[in-house]
């Protein structure tokens, strides 16, 4: 693992990440053209299989060892009354994850994925970003490195999820800082109109208190430890050529900080689903990601991405398991 002690070191690591295996991608495309189906009949599933094959360096791959990572952190901006739930819920939900009682536990189990939970200094929330940076550079880098090292080198697919009261406020602030525009704040855990107004005010104050930042600096100034860890996991997976399925609004905001450094950093990532958090579609559009699912989900935890594993598994089952015309003795026209 590279040293990730400051932003310069992280940027050096990001610039050295591997790309896909082009030969495996070409072989996968050739195989796709020989399968017992009309050309393009499986639509996007064909593209997904070839994309995955390139990243795994195998023209006939399967998903055998997916990993779901859940990172938990507490946010100082919660003091601004931006969430419908108190910060104590983060700790309580971590216990629920470890007991196997959350939605993400069920979806990870269904996908045959190992699930690892990492809580990041829950007894020490980040600073309130309405008054200055949420994290120092050193704190953000430590969380980023935690995510990077959490990726199992033998995994063949990674999902990064989160838990952290007030983190939709943080994610909306990140999107506003990087992409500009207005109305990035949504209702998150279900805040009322007054709560939504508090979120919007907190985001405006956060941007005023932390001006002129991009990419990793935005991650430190407006993010949370769990968001920084998710960004680290996305980058760490790329270091092993492991494809990633991004989760919803918060997971996409974590990835957005990497995209702001270099859009190509996310070439190994799919968008698992379109969240019910209103501005998620604009964030995905900015990053050039088309979601696999749109089911009105807004739970977080990695739940939508974990469910999307099934779609990618289906794409690979058809690609790798179908017979070719020659194997099946079927005329290809």
Protein backbone atom coordinates (compact mmCIF):
# COMPACT_ATOMS: atom_id res chain seq x y z
CA UNK A 1 0.00 0.00 0.00
CA UNK A 2 1.32 3.49 -0.83
CA UNK A 3 1.87 6.08 1.88
CA UNK A 4 -1.26 8.23 2.08
CA UNK A 5 -0.20 10.71 4.74
CA UNK A 6 -1.13 13.89 2.86
CA UNK A 7 -3.07 15.02 -0.20
CA UNK A 8 0.06 15.14 -2.35
CA UNK A 9 0.71 11.47 -1.59
CA UNK A 10 -2.89 10.53 -2.33
CA UNK A 11 -2.75 12.39 -5.65
CA UNK A 12 0.43 10.54 -6.54
CA UNK A 13 -1.30 7.24 -5.74
CA UNK A 14 -4.34 8.19 -7.81
CA UNK A 15 -2.15 9.04 -10.79
CA UNK A 16 -0.57 5.57 -10.63
CA UNK A 17 -3.76 3.49 -10.57
CA UNK A 18 -4.01 0.71 -13.18
CA UNK A 19 -6.42 0.63 -16.06
CA UNK A 20 -8.40 -2.31 -17.44
CA UNK A 21 -6.89 -5.27 -19.27
CA UNK A 22 -7.62 -4.31 -22.88
CA UNK A 23 -6.84 -7.78 -24.23
CA UNK A 24 -9.37 -9.39 -21.88
CA UNK A 25 -11.90 -6.76 -22.90
CA UNK A 26 -11.37 -7.52 -26.59
CA UNK A 27 -11.68 -11.26 -25.98
CA UNK A 28 -14.88 -10.71 -23.99
CA UNK A 29 -16.31 -8.64 -26.84
CA UNK A 30 -15.42 -11.39 -29.31
CA UNK A 31 -17.10 -13.98 -27.11
CA UNK A 32 -20.19 -11.80 -26.80
CA UNK A 33 -20.47 -11.74 -30.58
CA UNK A 34 -20.54 -15.56 -30.71
CA UNK A 35 -23.18 -16.22 -28.02
CA UNK A 36 -26.52 -17.81 -28.92
CA UNK A 37 -28.57 -14.62 -29.12
CA UNK A 38 -29.19 -11.85 -31.62
CA UNK A 39 -26.59 -9.06 -31.44
CA UNK A 40 -27.44 -6.62 -28.67
CA UNK A 41 -30.42 -8.67 -27.47
CA UNK A 42 -29.28 -8.50 -23.84
CA UNK A 43 -28.90 -4.76 -24.01
CA UNK A 44 -26.84 -3.20 -21.25
CA UNK A 45 -26.07 -6.60 -19.74
CA UNK A 46 -23.67 -7.19 -22.61
CA UNK A 47 -21.83 -3.94 -21.92
CA UNK A 48 -21.63 -4.70 -18.21
CA UNK A 49 -20.12 -8.13 -18.77
CA UNK A 50 -17.45 -6.82 -21.12
CA UNK A 51 -16.64 -3.92 -18.79
CA UNK A 52 -16.25 -6.29 -15.85
CA UNK A 53 -14.14 -8.72 -17.89
CA UNK A 54 -11.70 -5.95 -18.75
CA UNK A 55 -11.22 -4.89 -15.18
CA UNK A 56 -10.78 -8.44 -13.93
CA UNK A 57 -8.50 -9.48 -16.78
CA UNK A 58 -10.68 -12.49 -17.59
CA UNK A 59 -12.77 -12.74 -20.78
CA UNK A 60 -15.13 -15.24 -19.15
CA UNK A 61 -15.41 -14.05 -15.52
CA UNK A 62 -17.80 -14.63 -12.66
CA UNK A 63 -18.38 -12.91 -9.33
CA UNK A 64 -17.31 -15.27 -6.56
CA UNK A 65 -16.05 -13.02 -3.75
CA UNK A 66 -17.92 -9.70 -3.48
CA UNK A 67 -17.18 -7.48 -0.50
CA UNK A 68 -19.54 -4.99 1.15
CA UNK A 69 -17.86 -2.35 3.30
CA UNK A 70 -19.84 -0.17 5.68
CA UNK A 71 -18.12 2.84 7.22
CA UNK A 72 -19.61 4.82 10.10
CA UNK A 73 -18.76 8.33 11.26
CA UNK A 74 -20.29 11.17 13.25
CA UNK A 75 -20.64 14.74 12.03
CA UNK A 76 -20.28 17.96 13.95
CA UNK A 77 -22.76 19.67 11.64
CA UNK A 78 -25.48 17.53 13.24
CA UNK A 79 -25.52 20.21 15.96
CA UNK A 80 -27.24 22.48 13.44
CA UNK A 81 -30.41 20.36 13.62
CA UNK A 82 -30.11 19.05 10.06
CA UNK A 83 -31.24 15.46 10.73
CA UNK A 84 -34.47 13.87 11.92
CA UNK A 85 -32.44 11.56 14.19
CA UNK A 86 -29.89 12.22 16.95
CA UNK A 87 -26.19 11.38 16.49
CA UNK A 88 -26.52 8.47 18.94
CA UNK A 89 -28.29 6.52 16.20
CA UNK A 90 -24.98 6.07 14.37
CA UNK A 91 -23.58 4.01 17.26
CA UNK A 92 -26.84 2.09 17.62
CA UNK A 93 -26.91 1.21 13.93
CA UNK A 94 -23.31 0.00 14.01
CA UNK A 95 -24.38 -2.44 16.71
CA UNK A 96 -27.27 -3.50 14.49
CA UNK A 97 -24.89 -4.09 11.56
CA UNK A 98 -22.66 -6.24 13.73
CA UNK A 99 -25.69 -8.21 14.97
CA UNK A 100 -26.82 -8.85 11.39
CA UNK A 101 -30.10 -7.00 11.77
CA UNK A 102 -29.92 -4.23 9.15
CA UNK A 103 -31.13 -4.20 5.57
CA UNK A 104 -27.57 -4.24 4.28
CA UNK A 105 -26.88 -7.46 6.17
CA UNK A 106 -29.73 -9.19 4.37
CA UNK A 107 -28.77 -7.88 0.93
CA UNK A 108 -25.09 -8.71 1.39
CA UNK A 109 -26.01 -12.23 2.46
CA UNK A 110 -28.30 -12.61 -0.54
CA UNK A 111 -25.47 -11.55 -2.84
CA UNK A 112 -23.03 -13.97 -1.22
CA UNK A 113 -20.87 -11.06 -0.10
CA UNK A 114 -18.65 -10.77 2.93
CA UNK A 115 -19.54 -7.69 4.95
CA UNK A 116 -17.09 -5.66 7.00
CA UNK A 117 -18.04 -2.78 9.29
CA UNK A 118 -15.61 -0.01 10.21
CA UNK A 119 -16.54 2.69 12.72
CA UNK A 120 -14.30 5.74 12.61
CA UNK A 121 -13.87 7.55 15.92
CA UNK A 122 -17.58 7.70 16.70
CA UNK A 123 -16.79 9.27 20.07
CA UNK A 124 -15.12 12.19 18.28
CA UNK A 125 -17.37 13.79 15.64
CA UNK A 126 -15.87 15.90 12.90
CA UNK A 127 -15.88 19.65 13.47
CA UNK A 128 -18.97 21.64 12.52
CA UNK A 129 -18.15 22.71 8.96
CA UNK A 130 -20.31 25.83 9.24
CA UNK A 131 -17.43 27.29 11.26
CA UNK A 132 -14.43 25.89 9.38
CA UNK A 133 -13.08 22.62 7.99
CA UNK A 134 -14.74 19.43 9.24
CA UNK A 135 -11.37 17.64 9.23
CA UNK A 136 -7.73 18.54 9.06
CA UNK A 137 -5.77 17.20 6.12
CA UNK A 138 -4.21 14.58 8.41
CA UNK A 139 -7.62 13.43 9.70
CA UNK A 140 -9.05 13.15 6.19
CA UNK A 141 -6.00 11.21 4.99
CA UNK A 142 -6.21 8.80 7.92
CA UNK A 143 -9.86 8.04 7.12
CA UNK A 144 -9.05 7.73 3.41
CA UNK A 145 -6.28 5.24 4.20
CA UNK A 146 -8.68 3.26 6.41
CA UNK A 147 -10.96 2.81 3.43
CA UNK A 148 -8.11 1.92 1.08
CA UNK A 149 -6.80 -0.82 3.37
CA UNK A 150 -10.29 -2.15 4.13
CA UNK A 151 -10.54 -3.55 0.59
CA UNK A 152 -9.79 -7.27 0.53
CA UNK A 153 -7.20 -7.90 -2.23
CA UNK A 154 -8.95 -11.17 -3.12
CA UNK A 155 -12.37 -9.55 -3.54
CA UNK A 156 -13.74 -9.43 -7.08
CA UNK A 157 -16.33 -6.69 -6.51
CA UNK A 158 -16.63 -3.95 -3.88
CA UNK A 159 -19.59 -2.01 -2.52
CA UNK A 160 -18.92 0.86 -0.12
CA UNK A 161 -21.76 1.91 2.17
CA UNK A 162 -22.08 4.27 5.12
CA UNK A 163 -23.83 5.24 8.30
CA UNK A 164 -23.57 8.70 9.80
CA UNK A 165 -26.28 11.01 11.08
CA UNK A 166 -26.15 14.32 9.12
CA UNK A 167 -24.15 12.87 6.26
CA UNK A 168 -26.69 13.83 3.59
CA UNK A 169 -25.98 17.43 4.58
CA UNK A 170 -22.29 16.76 4.14
CA UNK A 171 -22.86 15.07 0.77
CA UNK A 172 -25.00 17.95 -0.47
CA UNK A 173 -22.34 20.43 0.62
CA UNK A 174 -19.70 18.44 -1.28
CA UNK A 175 -21.84 18.45 -4.42
CA UNK A 176 -22.47 22.18 -4.15
CA UNK A 177 -18.78 22.94 -3.69
CA UNK A 178 -17.65 20.77 -6.62
CA UNK A 179 -20.52 21.12 -9.09
CA UNK A 180 -22.01 24.48 -8.14
CA UNK A 181 -25.65 25.37 -8.64
CA UNK A 182 -28.44 25.17 -6.09
CA UNK A 183 -30.92 22.77 -4.46
CA UNK A 184 -28.52 19.94 -3.66
CA UNK A 185 -30.07 19.48 -0.23
CA UNK A 186 -32.81 16.88 0.16
CA UNK A 187 -34.82 15.48 3.02
CA UNK A 188 -32.33 12.75 3.90
CA UNK A 189 -33.72 10.73 6.79
CA UNK A 190 -37.05 12.55 6.45
CA UNK A 191 -36.63 16.07 7.82
CA UNK A 192 -39.61 18.42 7.65
CA UNK A 193 -39.60 21.83 5.94
CA UNK A 194 -37.94 23.46 8.93
CA UNK A 195 -35.23 20.81 8.98
CA UNK A 196 -34.68 21.20 5.24
CA UNK A 197 -34.25 24.94 5.69
CA UNK A 198 -31.66 24.25 8.39
CA UNK A 199 -29.78 21.96 5.98
CA UNK A 200 -29.77 24.59 3.28
CA UNK A 201 -28.55 27.23 5.73
CA UNK A 202 -25.82 24.92 7.03
CA UNK A 203 -24.61 24.18 3.50
CA UNK A 204 -24.49 27.87 2.65
CA UNK A 205 -22.58 28.59 5.84
CA UNK A 206 -20.22 25.69 5.17
CA UNK A 207 -19.34 26.97 1.73
CA UNK A 208 -18.81 30.48 3.09
CA UNK A 209 -16.54 29.15 5.83
CA UNK A 210 -14.57 26.92 3.43
CA UNK A 211 -14.20 28.76 0.12
CA UNK A 212 -12.07 27.97 -2.89
CA UNK A 213 -11.53 24.24 -2.39
CA UNK A 214 -11.71 21.35 -4.84
CA UNK A 215 -11.46 17.56 -4.78
CA UNK A 216 -9.65 16.25 -1.73
CA UNK A 217 -9.77 19.65 -0.03
CA UNK A 218 -13.56 19.60 -0.29
CA UNK A 219 -13.57 16.09 1.18
CA UNK A 220 -11.72 17.34 4.26
CA UNK A 221 -13.58 20.63 4.61
CA UNK A 222 -17.14 19.39 4.15
CA UNK A 223 -17.03 15.61 4.40
CA UNK A 224 -17.00 13.10 7.22
CA UNK A 225 -14.66 10.32 8.17
CA UNK A 226 -16.97 7.70 6.68
CA UNK A 227 -17.20 9.65 3.43
CA UNK A 228 -13.42 9.94 3.24
CA UNK A 229 -13.14 6.20 3.94
CA UNK A 230 -15.57 5.42 1.12
CA UNK A 231 -13.46 7.51 -1.25
CA UNK A 232 -10.41 5.59 -0.06
CA UNK A 233 -12.15 2.26 -0.63
CA UNK A 234 -13.10 3.24 -4.18
CA UNK A 235 -9.49 4.15 -4.92
CA UNK A 236 -8.10 1.14 -3.07
CA UNK A 237 -10.30 -1.19 -5.10
CA UNK A 238 -8.97 0.36 -8.31
CA UNK A 239 -5.41 -0.37 -7.14
CA UNK A 240 -6.35 -4.09 -7.26
CA UNK A 241 -8.41 -3.74 -10.48
CA UNK A 242 -11.54 -4.60 -8.49
CA UNK A 243 -14.75 -3.14 -9.94
CA UNK A 244 -16.92 -1.01 -7.64
CA UNK A 245 -20.66 -0.49 -7.48
CA UNK A 246 -21.42 2.94 -6.05
CA UNK A 247 -24.34 3.31 -3.68
CA UNK A 248 -26.63 6.34 -3.41
CA UNK A 249 -26.32 10.06 -2.77
CA UNK A 250 -23.66 9.88 -0.07
CA UNK A 251 -21.56 7.19 -1.71
CA UNK A 252 -21.71 9.11 -4.97
CA UNK A 253 -20.58 12.28 -3.18
CA UNK A 254 -17.55 10.39 -1.87
CA UNK A 255 -16.75 9.28 -5.42
CA UNK A 256 -17.35 12.83 -6.67
CA UNK A 257 -14.33 14.06 -4.71
CA UNK A 258 -12.17 11.59 -6.66
CA UNK A 259 -13.88 12.54 -9.93
CA UNK A 260 -12.98 16.16 -9.21
CA UNK A 261 -9.32 15.15 -9.03
CA UNK A 262 -9.58 13.16 -12.29
CA UNK A 263 -12.77 11.80 -13.90
CA UNK A 264 -10.92 8.69 -15.13
CA UNK A 265 -10.38 7.64 -11.51
CA UNK A 266 -13.95 6.29 -11.55
CA UNK A 267 -13.70 4.23 -14.74
CA UNK A 268 -13.92 1.03 -12.65
CA UNK A 269 -17.18 2.18 -11.02
CA UNK A 270 -20.84 1.58 -11.81
CA UNK A 271 -23.74 3.48 -10.28
CA UNK A 272 -25.83 0.89 -8.48
CA UNK A 273 -29.07 2.81 -8.26
CA UNK A 274 -30.78 6.17 -8.45
CA UNK A 275 -31.57 7.34 -4.94
CA UNK A 276 -34.82 9.02 -3.97
CA UNK A 277 -32.65 11.88 -2.67
CA UNK A 278 -33.69 14.42 -5.27
CA UNK A 279 -30.36 15.70 -6.56
CA UNK A 280 -28.73 12.30 -6.99
CA UNK A 281 -29.60 12.15 -10.68
CA UNK A 282 -27.73 15.40 -11.33
CA UNK A 283 -24.67 14.13 -9.49
CA UNK A 284 -24.61 10.91 -11.50
CA UNK A 285 -25.12 12.81 -14.74
CA UNK A 286 -22.15 15.04 -13.93
CA UNK A 287 -19.97 11.96 -13.43
CA UNK A 288 -21.35 10.24 -16.54
CA UNK A 289 -22.84 7.33 -14.59
CA UNK A 290 -26.13 5.66 -15.54
CA UNK A 291 -27.73 3.81 -12.60
CA UNK A 292 -28.58 0.13 -12.85
CA UNK A 293 -31.71 0.39 -10.69
CA UNK A 294 -34.31 3.02 -9.78
CA UNK A 295 -36.44 1.80 -6.90
CA UNK A 296 -36.98 4.89 -4.76
CA UNK A 297 -34.39 3.78 -2.19
CA UNK A 298 -32.83 6.28 0.23
CA UNK A 299 -31.57 4.11 3.07
CA UNK A 300 -27.84 4.27 2.46
CA UNK A 301 -25.71 1.56 4.10
CA UNK A 302 -24.71 0.37 0.62
CA UNK A 303 -28.15 -1.21 0.24
CA UNK A 304 -28.96 -0.13 -3.32
CA UNK A 305 -25.49 -1.06 -4.57
CA UNK A 306 -25.65 -4.45 -2.83
CA UNK A 307 -28.96 -5.17 -4.54
CA UNK A 308 -27.42 -4.17 -7.88
CA UNK A 309 -24.83 -6.92 -7.46
CA UNK A 310 -27.56 -9.26 -8.65
CA UNK A 311 -27.82 -7.39 -11.97
CA UNK A 312 -24.10 -7.63 -12.57
CA UNK A 313 -24.14 -11.30 -11.61
CA UNK A 314 -26.91 -11.83 -14.14
CA UNK A 315 -24.89 -10.13 -16.85
CA UNK A 316 -21.91 -12.37 -16.15
CA UNK A 317 -24.00 -15.53 -15.86
CA UNK A 318 -25.27 -14.96 -19.38
CA UNK A 319 -21.92 -13.90 -20.78
CA UNK A 320 -19.81 -16.64 -19.23
CA UNK A 321 -22.35 -19.44 -19.08
CA UNK A 322 -24.15 -19.21 -22.41
CA UNK A 323 -23.06 -21.44 -25.26
CA UNK A 324 -21.63 -20.02 -28.45
CA UNK A 325 -23.33 -20.79 -31.75
CA UNK A 326 -20.58 -23.30 -32.53
CA UNK A 327 -20.84 -25.00 -29.14
CA UNK A 328 -24.62 -25.29 -29.37
CA UNK A 329 -24.69 -26.35 -33.00
CA UNK A 330 -27.01 -23.41 -33.79
CA UNK A 331 -26.76 -21.53 -37.06
CA UNK A 332 -25.80 -17.90 -36.59
CA UNK A 333 -27.57 -16.87 -39.74
